[in-house]
Amino acid sequence: MHILVLIIGTAIGVLFWLSRMGRGAGDVIDAAQTLSNMPRRNRHRRAVNRRGLSLVNTPVEAATILMLAIARMGKDRRLTSRERTRIERQLVLHMQMEADDADGLTRQMEMVHDDVTLPEAVLFPMVDILLPAIEKDDARRLADMMNAVAEVHGKTHEQAEFVRRYRERMGLG
């Protein structure tokens, strides 16, 4: 009888340790999945903790912000539907975007740009994004795009000065 109790006790002990090892293996798998998801989670966390101009990453987004800024420097200090249409048209013509993508990008960057009090304040941060990313020909084309947006309601001195400072910062002379 005591041998039977010893065998049953050993079997229970082995089952107990096997279940503990199974849970440990599950913990190892969970840890591996957590590590594999960490880069995505960190990107999301960085994006969540940022706002305003810090969300702008690509040259196309920076160019859109600059065009929005020049539109807001107009006489009425806000973006009109004609200016929005001109910005979207410039994105379609010069950035090879679909009309829907241009509309979506313009609306998204408009929400980012709404946090900016002075439209002139976007020049230096956006040039810092554009300078290493685009060539001189693209920079000239962007200056032309900004001029096209500025001319929707008649170009003001402030808008002309903004384009001049952009050209100067981009090394266009």
C-alpha atoms as a PDB file:
ATOM      1  CA  MET A   1       0.000   0.000   0.000  1.00  0.00           C
ATOM      2  CA  HIS A   2       2.774   2.406   0.840  1.00  0.00           C
ATOM      3  CA  ILE A   3       4.303   1.735  -2.611  1.00  0.00           C
ATOM      4  CA  LEU A   4       1.012   2.730  -4.244  1.00  0.00           C
ATOM      5  CA  VAL A   5       0.926   5.990  -2.243  1.00  0.00           C
ATOM      6  CA  LEU A   6       4.556   6.653  -3.265  1.00  0.00           C
ATOM      7  CA  ILE A   7       3.761   6.085  -6.967  1.00  0.00           C
ATOM      8  CA  ILE A   8       0.642   8.301  -6.809  1.00  0.00           C
ATOM      9  CA  GLY A   9       2.593  10.990  -4.905  1.00  0.00           C
ATOM     10  CA  THR A  10       5.416  10.864  -7.467  1.00  0.00           C
ATOM     11  CA  ALA A  11       2.901  11.099 -10.335  1.00  0.00           C
ATOM     12  CA  ILE A  12       1.207  14.094  -8.695  1.00  0.00           C
ATOM     13  CA  GLY A  13       4.609  15.734  -8.122  1.00  0.00           C
ATOM     14  CA  VAL A  14       5.634  15.157 -11.746  1.00  0.00           C
ATOM     15  CA  LEU A  15       2.306  16.570 -12.982  1.00  0.00           C
ATOM     16  CA  PHE A  16       2.703  19.580 -10.701  1.00  0.00           C
ATOM     17  CA  TRP A  17       6.193  20.365 -12.039  1.00  0.00           C
ATOM     18  CA  LEU A  18       5.104  19.781 -15.639  1.00  0.00           C
ATOM     19  CA  SER A  19       2.270  22.271 -15.213  1.00  0.00           C
ATOM     20  CA  ARG A  20       4.700  24.790 -13.687  1.00  0.00           C
ATOM     21  CA  MET A  21       7.044  24.332 -16.640  1.00  0.00           C
ATOM     22  CA  GLY A  22       4.110  24.787 -19.032  1.00  0.00           C
ATOM     23  CA  ARG A  23       3.183  28.065 -17.382  1.00  0.00           C
ATOM     24  CA  GLY A  24       6.829  29.120 -17.534  1.00  0.00           C
ATOM     25  CA  ALA A  25       6.939  28.344 -21.253  1.00  0.00           C
ATOM     26  CA  GLY A  26       3.778  30.434 -21.699  1.00  0.00           C
ATOM     27  CA  ASP A  27       5.483  33.288 -19.846  1.00  0.00           C
ATOM     28  CA  VAL A  28       8.506  32.991 -22.136  1.00  0.00           C
ATOM     29  CA  ILE A  29       6.239  33.114 -25.218  1.00  0.00           C
ATOM     30  CA  ASP A  30       4.395  36.144 -23.813  1.00  0.00           C
ATOM     31  CA  ALA A  31       7.712  37.900 -23.151  1.00  0.00           C
ATOM     32  CA  ALA A  32       8.878  37.170 -26.710  1.00  0.00           C
ATOM     33  CA  GLN A  33       5.643  38.584 -28.143  1.00  0.00           C
ATOM     34  CA  THR A  34       5.961  41.669 -25.957  1.00  0.00           C
ATOM     35  CA  LEU A  35       9.516  42.220 -27.186  1.00  0.00           C
ATOM     36  CA  SER A  36       8.515  41.756 -30.826  1.00  0.00           C
ATOM     37  CA  ASN A  37       5.702  44.345 -30.456  1.00  0.00           C
ATOM     38  CA  MET A  38       7.889  46.849 -28.601  1.00  0.00           C
ATOM     39  CA  PRO A  39       9.049  48.886 -31.657  1.00  0.00           C
ATOM     40  CA  ARG A  40       5.463  49.373 -32.852  1.00  0.00           C
ATOM     41  CA  ARG A  41       4.295  50.228 -29.343  1.00  0.00           C
ATOM     42  CA  ASN A  42       7.135  52.726 -28.873  1.00  0.00           C
ATOM     43  CA  ARG A  43       6.339  54.408 -32.199  1.00  0.00           C
ATOM     44  CA  HIS A  44       2.722  54.727 -31.128  1.00  0.00           C
ATOM     45  CA  ARG A  45       3.707  56.019 -27.685  1.00  0.00           C
ATOM     46  CA  ARG A  46       6.000  58.653 -29.234  1.00  0.00           C
ATOM     47  CA  ALA A  47       3.242  59.729 -31.627  1.00  0.00           C
ATOM     48  CA  VAL A  48       0.712  59.938 -28.805  1.00  0.00           C
ATOM     49  CA  ASN A  49       3.007  62.075 -26.659  1.00  0.00           C
ATOM     50  CA  ARG A  50       3.647  64.518 -29.499  1.00  0.00           C
ATOM     51  CA  ARG A  51       1.450  67.242 -30.840  1.00  0.00           C
ATOM     52  CA  GLY A  52       1.591  70.188 -33.159  1.00  0.00           C
ATOM     53  CA  LEU A  53       4.565  70.534 -35.455  1.00  0.00           C
ATOM     54  CA  SER A  54       6.413  67.651 -33.804  1.00  0.00           C
ATOM     55  CA  LEU A  55       4.050  65.304 -35.672  1.00  0.00           C
ATOM     56  CA  VAL A  56       5.416  66.446 -39.050  1.00  0.00           C
ATOM     57  CA  ASN A  57       7.963  63.910 -40.327  1.00  0.00           C
ATOM     58  CA  THR A  58       8.017  63.823 -44.115  1.00  0.00           C
ATOM     59  CA  PRO A  59       8.949  66.471 -46.691  1.00  0.00           C
ATOM     60  CA  VAL A  60       5.447  66.329 -48.203  1.00  0.00           C
ATOM     61  CA  GLU A  61       3.910  67.095 -44.802  1.00  0.00           C
ATOM     62  CA  ALA A  62       6.415  69.932 -44.263  1.00  0.00           C
ATOM     63  CA  ALA A  63       5.625  71.379 -47.698  1.00  0.00           C
ATOM     64  CA  THR A  64       1.901  71.241 -46.931  1.00  0.00           C
ATOM     65  CA  ILE A  65       2.470  73.020 -43.609  1.00  0.00           C
ATOM     66  CA  LEU A  66       4.434  75.768 -45.391  1.00  0.00           C
ATOM     67  CA  MET A  67       1.637  76.248 -47.925  1.00  0.00           C
ATOM     68  CA  LEU A  68      -0.931  76.383 -45.123  1.00  0.00           C
ATOM     69  CA  ALA A  69       1.206  78.933 -43.299  1.00  0.00           C
ATOM     70  CA  ILE A  70       1.461  81.180 -46.343  1.00  0.00           C
ATOM     71  CA  ALA A  71      -2.301  80.918 -46.854  1.00  0.00           C
ATOM     72  CA  ARG A  72      -2.884  82.006 -43.254  1.00  0.00           C
ATOM     73  CA  MET A  73      -0.706  85.065 -43.809  1.00  0.00           C
ATOM     74  CA  GLY A  74      -3.299  86.463 -46.200  1.00  0.00           C
ATOM     75  CA  LYS A  75      -5.532  89.441 -45.545  1.00  0.00           C
ATOM     76  CA  ASP A  76      -8.119  87.584 -43.448  1.00  0.00           C
ATOM     77  CA  ARG A  77      -5.542  85.413 -41.549  1.00  0.00           C
ATOM     78  CA  ARG A  78      -7.414  82.160 -42.136  1.00  0.00           C
ATOM     79  CA  LEU A  79      -7.499  79.416 -44.746  1.00  0.00           C
ATOM     80  CA  THR A  80     -10.237  79.917 -47.320  1.00  0.00           C
ATOM     81  CA  SER A  81     -11.789  77.191 -49.440  1.00  0.00           C
ATOM     82  CA  ARG A  82     -10.104  78.623 -52.551  1.00  0.00           C
ATOM     83  CA  GLU A  83      -6.711  78.444 -50.857  1.00  0.00           C
ATOM     84  CA  ARG A  84      -7.357  74.889 -49.669  1.00  0.00           C
ATOM     85  CA  THR A  85      -8.314  73.930 -53.220  1.00  0.00           C
ATOM     86  CA  ARG A  86      -5.145  75.554 -54.563  1.00  0.00           C
ATOM     87  CA  ILE A  87      -2.990  73.694 -52.006  1.00  0.00           C
ATOM     88  CA  GLU A  88      -4.610  70.378 -52.925  1.00  0.00           C
ATOM     89  CA  ARG A  89      -4.135  71.154 -56.622  1.00  0.00           C
ATOM     90  CA  GLN A  90      -0.454  71.929 -56.052  1.00  0.00           C
ATOM     91  CA  LEU A  91      -0.012  68.616 -54.214  1.00  0.00           C
ATOM     92  CA  VAL A  92      -1.673  66.720 -57.062  1.00  0.00           C
ATOM     93  CA  LEU A  93       0.349  68.490 -59.765  1.00  0.00           C
ATOM     94  CA  HIS A  94       3.775  68.578 -58.155  1.00  0.00           C
ATOM     95  CA  MET A  95       3.810  65.751 -55.611  1.00  0.00           C
ATOM     96  CA  GLN A  96       2.110  63.090 -57.777  1.00  0.00           C
ATOM     97  CA  MET A  97      -0.675  62.543 -55.242  1.00  0.00           C
ATOM     98  CA  GLU A  98      -4.243  61.440 -55.854  1.00  0.00           C
ATOM     99  CA  ALA A  99      -6.883  64.086 -55.180  1.00  0.00           C
ATOM    100  CA  ASP A 100      -8.284  62.153 -52.193  1.00  0.00           C
ATOM    101  CA  ASP A 101      -4.815  61.750 -50.690  1.00  0.00           C
ATOM    102  CA  ALA A 102      -4.106  65.454 -51.168  1.00  0.00           C
ATOM    103  CA  ASP A 103      -7.405  66.338 -49.492  1.00  0.00           C
ATOM    104  CA  GLY A 104      -6.685  64.012 -46.566  1.00  0.00           C
ATOM    105  CA  LEU A 105      -3.144  65.312 -46.118  1.00  0.00           C
ATOM    106  CA  THR A 106      -4.300  68.920 -46.290  1.00  0.00           C
ATOM    107  CA  ARG A 107      -6.983  68.354 -43.666  1.00  0.00           C
ATOM    108  CA  GLN A 108      -4.588  66.427 -41.405  1.00  0.00           C
ATOM    109  CA  MET A 109      -1.879  69.089 -41.636  1.00  0.00           C
ATOM    110  CA  GLU A 110      -4.495  71.793 -41.142  1.00  0.00           C
ATOM    111  CA  MET A 111      -5.338  70.247 -37.762  1.00  0.00           C
ATOM    112  CA  VAL A 112      -1.623  70.163 -36.902  1.00  0.00           C
ATOM    113  CA  HIS A 113      -1.212  73.769 -38.063  1.00  0.00           C
ATOM    114  CA  ASP A 114      -4.197  74.990 -36.034  1.00  0.00           C
ATOM    115  CA  ASP A 115      -2.017  74.840 -32.883  1.00  0.00           C
ATOM    116  CA  VAL A 116       0.362  77.405 -34.382  1.00  0.00           C
ATOM    117  CA  THR A 117      -0.364  80.971 -33.330  1.00  0.00           C
ATOM    118  CA  LEU A 118       1.970  82.727 -35.754  1.00  0.00           C
ATOM    119  CA  PRO A 119       2.140  81.186 -39.224  1.00  0.00           C
ATOM    120  CA  GLU A 120       5.677  82.572 -39.622  1.00  0.00           C
ATOM    121  CA  ALA A 121       6.861  80.316 -36.787  1.00  0.00           C
ATOM    122  CA  VAL A 122       6.694  77.192 -38.952  1.00  0.00           C
ATOM    123  CA  LEU A 123       9.430  78.258 -41.359  1.00  0.00           C
ATOM    124  CA  PHE A 124      12.525  77.144 -39.433  1.00  0.00           C
ATOM    125  CA  PRO A 125      11.230  73.753 -38.203  1.00  0.00           C
ATOM    126  CA  MET A 126       9.886  72.850 -41.660  1.00  0.00           C
ATOM    127  CA  VAL A 127      13.082  73.937 -43.411  1.00  0.00           C
ATOM    128  CA  ASP A 128      15.001  71.731 -40.973  1.00  0.00           C
ATOM    129  CA  ILE A 129      12.923  68.784 -42.231  1.00  0.00           C
ATOM    130  CA  LEU A 130      13.179  69.775 -45.901  1.00  0.00           C
ATOM    131  CA  LEU A 131      16.852  70.750 -46.120  1.00  0.00           C
ATOM    132  CA  PRO A 132      18.375  67.262 -45.871  1.00  0.00           C
ATOM    133  CA  ALA A 133      15.502  65.595 -47.721  1.00  0.00           C
ATOM    134  CA  ILE A 134      14.957  67.510 -50.957  1.00  0.00           C
ATOM    135  CA  GLU A 135      17.125  68.796 -53.795  1.00  0.00           C
ATOM    136  CA  LYS A 136      17.421  72.394 -54.977  1.00  0.00           C
ATOM    137  CA  ASP A 137      15.034  71.854 -57.901  1.00  0.00           C
ATOM    138  CA  ASP A 138      12.365  70.529 -55.539  1.00  0.00           C
ATOM    139  CA  ALA A 139      12.979  73.465 -53.188  1.00  0.00           C
ATOM    140  CA  ARG A 140      12.477  75.905 -56.097  1.00  0.00           C
ATOM    141  CA  ARG A 141       9.308  74.080 -57.087  1.00  0.00           C
ATOM    142  CA  LEU A 142       8.023  74.376 -53.502  1.00  0.00           C
ATOM    143  CA  ALA A 143       8.731  78.123 -53.556  1.00  0.00           C
ATOM    144  CA  ASP A 144       6.665  78.339 -56.758  1.00  0.00           C
ATOM    145  CA  MET A 145       3.902  76.325 -55.094  1.00  0.00           C
ATOM    146  CA  MET A 146       3.872  78.715 -52.123  1.00  0.00           C
ATOM    147  CA  ASN A 147       3.722  81.685 -54.511  1.00  0.00           C
ATOM    148  CA  ALA A 148       0.764  80.068 -56.295  1.00  0.00           C
ATOM    149  CA  VAL A 149      -1.090  79.706 -52.975  1.00  0.00           C
ATOM    150  CA  ALA A 150      -0.235  83.285 -52.001  1.00  0.00           C
ATOM    151  CA  GLU A 151      -1.627  84.643 -55.263  1.00  0.00           C
ATOM    152  CA  VAL A 152      -5.133  83.243 -54.705  1.00  0.00           C
ATOM    153  CA  HIS A 153      -6.340  86.442 -52.996  1.00  0.00           C
ATOM    154  CA  GLY A 154      -3.469  88.706 -54.003  1.00  0.00           C
ATOM    155  CA  LYS A 155      -0.005  88.318 -52.560  1.00  0.00           C
ATOM    156  CA  THR A 156       0.772  90.431 -49.487  1.00  0.00           C
ATOM    157  CA  HIS A 157       4.173  91.802 -48.483  1.00  0.00           C
ATOM    158  CA  GLU A 158       4.229  89.381 -45.540  1.00  0.00           C
ATOM    159  CA  GLN A 159       3.735  86.407 -47.870  1.00  0.00           C
ATOM    160  CA  ALA A 160       6.441  87.605 -50.259  1.00  0.00           C
ATOM    161  CA  GLU A 161       8.821  88.023 -47.324  1.00  0.00           C
ATOM    162  CA  PHE A 162       8.014  84.503 -46.103  1.00  0.00           C
ATOM    163  CA  VAL A 163       8.877  83.028 -49.515  1.00  0.00           C
ATOM    164  CA  ARG A 164      12.073  85.132 -49.637  1.00  0.00           C
ATOM    165  CA  ARG A 165      13.145  83.852 -46.203  1.00  0.00           C
ATOM    166  CA  TYR A 166      12.315  80.283 -47.270  1.00  0.00           C
ATOM    167  CA  ARG A 167      14.456  80.639 -50.400  1.00  0.00           C
ATOM    168  CA  GLU A 168      17.275  82.107 -48.329  1.00  0.00           C
ATOM    169  CA  ARG A 169      17.157  79.303 -45.727  1.00  0.00           C
ATOM    170  CA  MET A 170      17.088  76.645 -48.447  1.00  0.00           C
ATOM    171  CA  GLY A 171      20.137  78.205 -50.116  1.00  0.00           C
ATOM    172  CA  LEU A 172      18.312  79.236 -53.285  1.00  0.00           C
ATOM    173  CA  GLY A 173      19.572  82.814 -53.226  1.00  0.00           C
END
